[in-house]
């Protein structure tokens, strides 16, 4: 029997952590939109803060909903980055 795919770990910081009531959620791999949707399904309060957050997938800024997120990836949900 093949091993089950490893989940994606969604690490939450600042307002996202407060909204979710957790610091880490585990969701199924797929697209960025699917991963974030899975996180919102577990912690509905995230829907209020995600539009203002910066998202990293394995340390690289993610901007496209269709971006693939592989099994075992780490997704960080951070406060918005200030430019300068």
N, C-alpha and C. Protein backbone atom coordinates (compact mmCIF):
# COMPACT_ATOMS: atom_id res chain seq x y z
N UNK A 1 0.84 -1.17 0.00
CA UNK A 1 0.00 0.00 0.00
C UNK A 1 0.89 1.24 0.00
N UNK A 2 0.67 2.20 -0.91
CA UNK A 2 1.51 3.39 -0.94
C UNK A 2 1.24 4.28 0.27
N UNK A 3 2.29 5.03 0.63
CA UNK A 3 2.13 5.99 1.73
C UNK A 3 1.16 7.08 1.34
N UNK A 4 0.40 7.57 2.31
CA UNK A 4 -0.50 8.71 2.07
C UNK A 4 0.35 9.95 1.83
N UNK A 5 -0.12 10.86 0.95
CA UNK A 5 0.64 12.08 0.72
C UNK A 5 0.81 12.87 2.02
N UNK A 6 1.97 13.48 2.16
CA UNK A 6 2.22 14.30 3.34
C UNK A 6 1.38 15.57 3.26
N UNK A 7 0.83 16.00 4.38
CA UNK A 7 0.05 17.24 4.35
C UNK A 7 0.95 18.46 4.20
N UNK A 8 0.35 19.55 3.86
CA UNK A 8 1.02 20.85 3.84
C UNK A 8 0.84 21.46 5.22
N UNK A 9 1.90 22.00 5.79
CA UNK A 9 1.79 22.72 7.06
C UNK A 9 1.62 24.20 6.77
N UNK A 10 0.55 24.77 7.28
CA UNK A 10 0.28 26.20 7.14
C UNK A 10 0.61 26.84 8.49
N UNK A 11 1.70 27.63 8.50
CA UNK A 11 2.15 28.31 9.72
C UNK A 11 1.57 29.72 9.74
N UNK A 12 0.93 30.05 10.84
CA UNK A 12 0.20 31.32 10.96
C UNK A 12 0.91 32.24 11.94
N UNK A 13 0.97 33.52 11.59
CA UNK A 13 1.64 34.52 12.41
C UNK A 13 0.73 35.72 12.63
N UNK A 14 0.95 36.42 13.73
CA UNK A 14 0.28 37.69 14.03
C UNK A 14 -1.24 37.56 13.97
N UNK A 15 -1.89 38.41 13.17
CA UNK A 15 -3.36 38.43 13.10
C UNK A 15 -3.93 37.11 12.60
N UNK A 16 -3.23 36.44 11.70
CA UNK A 16 -3.72 35.15 11.19
C UNK A 16 -3.75 34.12 12.31
N UNK A 17 -2.73 34.12 13.15
CA UNK A 17 -2.70 33.20 14.29
C UNK A 17 -3.85 33.50 15.24
N UNK A 18 -4.07 34.76 15.52
CA UNK A 18 -5.18 35.15 16.40
C UNK A 18 -6.52 34.75 15.81
N UNK A 19 -6.71 34.98 14.52
CA UNK A 19 -7.98 34.67 13.87
C UNK A 19 -8.26 33.18 13.86
N UNK A 20 -7.20 32.38 13.70
CA UNK A 20 -7.37 30.92 13.63
C UNK A 20 -7.41 30.27 15.00
N UNK A 21 -6.82 30.92 15.98
CA UNK A 21 -6.71 30.29 17.29
C UNK A 21 -5.72 29.14 17.30
N UNK A 22 -4.80 29.15 16.34
CA UNK A 22 -3.79 28.10 16.22
C UNK A 22 -2.57 28.67 15.52
N UNK A 23 -1.42 28.04 15.72
CA UNK A 23 -0.22 28.51 15.04
C UNK A 23 0.12 27.69 13.80
N UNK A 24 -0.39 26.45 13.72
CA UNK A 24 -0.13 25.59 12.56
C UNK A 24 -1.40 24.80 12.25
N UNK A 25 -1.72 24.74 10.95
CA UNK A 25 -2.82 23.90 10.47
C UNK A 25 -2.23 22.93 9.44
N UNK A 26 -2.77 21.74 9.34
CA UNK A 26 -2.36 20.78 8.31
C UNK A 26 -3.49 20.62 7.32
N UNK A 27 -3.17 20.80 6.04
CA UNK A 27 -4.16 20.69 4.98
C UNK A 27 -3.58 19.86 3.83
N UNK A 28 -4.43 19.47 2.90
CA UNK A 28 -3.99 18.70 1.74
C UNK A 28 -3.26 19.59 0.75
N UNK A 29 -2.30 18.99 0.05
CA UNK A 29 -1.56 19.70 -0.99
C UNK A 29 -2.48 19.96 -2.18
N UNK A 30 -2.05 20.81 -3.05
CA UNK A 30 -2.81 21.15 -4.26
C UNK A 30 -2.34 22.48 -4.79
N UNK A 31 -3.27 23.38 -5.02
CA UNK A 31 -2.92 24.73 -5.44
C UNK A 31 -2.90 25.64 -4.22
N UNK A 32 -2.34 26.82 -4.37
CA UNK A 32 -2.33 27.79 -3.28
C UNK A 32 -3.76 28.09 -2.83
N UNK A 33 -4.66 28.29 -3.79
CA UNK A 33 -6.06 28.58 -3.45
C UNK A 33 -6.67 27.42 -2.67
N UNK A 34 -6.37 26.19 -3.06
CA UNK A 34 -6.91 25.03 -2.37
C UNK A 34 -6.37 24.89 -0.96
N UNK A 35 -5.08 25.15 -0.80
CA UNK A 35 -4.46 25.07 0.53
C UNK A 35 -5.05 26.12 1.45
N UNK A 36 -5.15 27.36 0.96
CA UNK A 36 -5.72 28.43 1.79
C UNK A 36 -7.19 28.17 2.07
N UNK A 37 -7.91 27.62 1.09
CA UNK A 37 -9.31 27.26 1.31
C UNK A 37 -9.45 26.18 2.38
N UNK A 38 -8.53 25.23 2.37
CA UNK A 38 -8.54 24.19 3.40
C UNK A 38 -8.26 24.76 4.78
N UNK A 39 -7.38 25.75 4.84
CA UNK A 39 -7.09 26.40 6.12
C UNK A 39 -8.32 27.16 6.63
N UNK A 40 -9.01 27.86 5.71
CA UNK A 40 -10.22 28.60 6.09
C UNK A 40 -11.32 27.64 6.54
N UNK A 41 -11.40 26.47 5.91
CA UNK A 41 -12.41 25.49 6.32
C UNK A 41 -12.19 25.04 7.77
N UNK A 42 -10.92 24.97 8.19
CA UNK A 42 -10.60 24.58 9.56
C UNK A 42 -10.74 25.75 10.54
N UNK A 43 -10.46 26.95 10.06
CA UNK A 43 -10.46 28.15 10.91
C UNK A 43 -11.13 29.28 10.14
N UNK A 44 -12.47 29.34 10.15
CA UNK A 44 -13.20 30.32 9.33
C UNK A 44 -12.80 31.78 9.56
N UNK A 45 -12.31 32.12 10.73
CA UNK A 45 -11.88 33.49 10.99
C UNK A 45 -10.75 33.96 10.09
N UNK A 46 -10.02 33.03 9.50
CA UNK A 46 -8.93 33.40 8.58
C UNK A 46 -9.43 34.17 7.37
N UNK A 47 -10.67 33.92 6.97
CA UNK A 47 -11.19 34.58 5.76
C UNK A 47 -11.15 36.10 5.89
N UNK A 48 -11.19 36.62 7.10
CA UNK A 48 -11.17 38.06 7.32
C UNK A 48 -9.77 38.66 7.18
N UNK A 49 -8.73 37.88 7.45
CA UNK A 49 -7.37 38.42 7.45
C UNK A 49 -6.53 38.01 6.25
N UNK A 50 -6.84 36.90 5.60
CA UNK A 50 -6.00 36.43 4.48
C UNK A 50 -5.81 37.45 3.37
N UNK A 51 -6.84 38.24 3.00
CA UNK A 51 -6.61 39.20 1.92
C UNK A 51 -5.52 40.23 2.21
N UNK A 52 -5.18 40.43 3.47
CA UNK A 52 -4.17 41.42 3.84
C UNK A 52 -2.81 40.78 4.14
N UNK A 53 -2.71 39.47 4.05
CA UNK A 53 -1.49 38.77 4.44
C UNK A 53 -0.57 38.53 3.25
N UNK A 54 0.71 38.34 3.58
CA UNK A 54 1.70 37.89 2.61
C UNK A 54 1.84 36.38 2.79
N UNK A 55 1.97 35.66 1.68
CA UNK A 55 2.03 34.20 1.70
C UNK A 55 3.36 33.74 1.12
N UNK A 56 4.04 32.86 1.82
CA UNK A 56 5.26 32.23 1.33
C UNK A 56 5.03 30.73 1.22
N UNK A 57 5.53 30.14 0.14
CA UNK A 57 5.53 28.68 -0.02
C UNK A 57 6.98 28.25 -0.05
N UNK A 58 7.37 27.49 0.96
CA UNK A 58 8.76 27.06 1.12
C UNK A 58 9.72 28.25 1.01
N UNK A 59 9.34 29.37 1.64
CA UNK A 59 10.21 30.54 1.73
C UNK A 59 10.16 31.48 0.55
N UNK A 60 9.34 31.20 -0.46
CA UNK A 60 9.26 32.03 -1.66
C UNK A 60 7.87 32.65 -1.74
N UNK A 61 7.83 33.97 -1.99
CA UNK A 61 6.55 34.68 -2.07
C UNK A 61 5.64 34.04 -3.11
N UNK A 62 4.40 33.81 -2.73
CA UNK A 62 3.40 33.20 -3.61
C UNK A 62 2.31 34.23 -3.88
N UNK A 63 1.95 34.38 -5.16
CA UNK A 63 0.96 35.39 -5.52
C UNK A 63 -0.19 34.85 -6.37
N UNK A 64 -0.01 33.71 -6.99
CA UNK A 64 -1.01 33.18 -7.92
C UNK A 64 -1.82 32.06 -7.26
N UNK A 65 -3.14 32.17 -7.33
CA UNK A 65 -4.01 31.14 -6.75
C UNK A 65 -3.74 29.75 -7.31
N UNK A 66 -3.35 29.68 -8.58
CA UNK A 66 -3.13 28.38 -9.24
C UNK A 66 -1.74 27.81 -8.98
N UNK A 67 -0.91 28.52 -8.22
CA UNK A 67 0.44 28.04 -7.95
C UNK A 67 0.38 26.69 -7.23
N UNK A 68 1.13 25.69 -7.70
CA UNK A 68 1.10 24.39 -7.04
C UNK A 68 1.79 24.43 -5.68
N UNK A 69 1.23 23.70 -4.74
CA UNK A 69 1.82 23.54 -3.41
C UNK A 69 1.98 22.04 -3.20
N UNK A 70 3.22 21.54 -3.24
CA UNK A 70 3.43 20.09 -3.20
C UNK A 70 3.24 19.51 -1.79
N UNK A 71 3.02 18.20 -1.72
CA UNK A 71 2.95 17.55 -0.41
C UNK A 71 4.20 17.83 0.41
N UNK A 72 4.01 18.08 1.69
CA UNK A 72 5.14 18.34 2.58
C UNK A 72 5.64 19.76 2.57
N UNK A 73 5.04 20.63 1.76
CA UNK A 73 5.48 22.02 1.70
C UNK A 73 5.12 22.75 2.98
N UNK A 74 5.80 23.86 3.19
CA UNK A 74 5.48 24.76 4.30
C UNK A 74 4.93 26.05 3.70
N UNK A 75 3.76 26.45 4.18
CA UNK A 75 3.15 27.71 3.77
C UNK A 75 3.14 28.61 4.99
N UNK A 76 3.71 29.81 4.85
CA UNK A 76 3.72 30.79 5.93
C UNK A 76 2.73 31.90 5.59
N UNK A 77 1.86 32.22 6.54
CA UNK A 77 0.90 33.31 6.39
C UNK A 77 1.36 34.41 7.33
N UNK A 78 1.89 35.49 6.73
CA UNK A 78 2.55 36.56 7.47
C UNK A 78 1.80 37.88 7.36
N UNK A 79 2.10 38.81 8.28
CA UNK A 79 1.55 40.16 8.10
C UNK A 79 2.06 40.73 6.78
N UNK A 80 1.38 41.71 6.20
CA UNK A 80 1.84 42.28 4.93
C UNK A 80 3.25 42.84 5.07
N UNK A 81 4.04 42.69 4.01
CA UNK A 81 5.39 43.25 4.00
C UNK A 81 5.32 44.74 3.73
N UNK A 82 6.08 45.51 4.46
CA UNK A 82 6.19 46.95 4.18
C UNK A 82 7.32 47.14 3.17
N UNK A 83 7.09 47.98 2.19
CA UNK A 83 8.10 48.20 1.16
C UNK A 83 9.01 49.36 1.52
N UNK A 84 10.09 49.44 0.75
CA UNK A 84 10.95 50.59 0.98
C UNK A 84 12.30 50.42 0.40
